[in-house]
Amino acid sequence: MMRTPSSCVTALTLCAAMAALPALAGPVEMPNRKPGLWEIKVSPGPQMPAMTMQQCTDATTDKDMSSTFSPMAKEMCAKQDMQKTATGLTIDSTCTVSGITSTSHTEIVGDFNSAYTVKVSTKGDGKIPDSVTMMEAKWMGACKADQKPGDIVMPGGIKMNIKDMQAMKGARPKQ
């Protein structure tokens, strides 16, 4: 499969966004989100349209996400530095996907009980354009009757569960 610069931008943007999820563990721990249904709007900038997804979470879901995405982030990211700030958290990272390196600065603001925002500013190594990705998450209440913790509902009604993603992590291609 041939990767285009736009697919690399997409992959780097998603890596940066995943690195900003409340599940990411590090020297500074991010708080767990309030259990229930979260709506997350991701606006990757002019290169891609915004998308809104929903995630049903409980006390263990964020920890499950950490065990799924942290190993991938550690493999792809030479640097991940998380710091507490007066308004939330910042994460500075340097990651490489398909031979393309980017440096990201992430600002996270919110209470993880009702809403939080994530701003990821990414600078490419000249092979991809610089970008700013925004994530806005808000707590919607209890999960829907047909949802279980770990369910993620993507645009178009595509539903997946974090447990399925964990099972697939051994099948991901090597860089």
Foldseek 3Di string as FASTA:
>chain_A
DDDDLLNVLVVVLVLLVLCPDQLADDPDHRDAADAAKKKKWKDWPDSDHIWIKIAGADPCLSPLSNVLNVVVCVVFWPAWDWDADPFGIWIWIWGDDPRKIKIWIKDWGDDSHAKIKIWIWIPTPPSHHTTIMIMIMGHDGHYDPPDDHQWMQTPPRDIDGSVVSSVCSVVDDDD
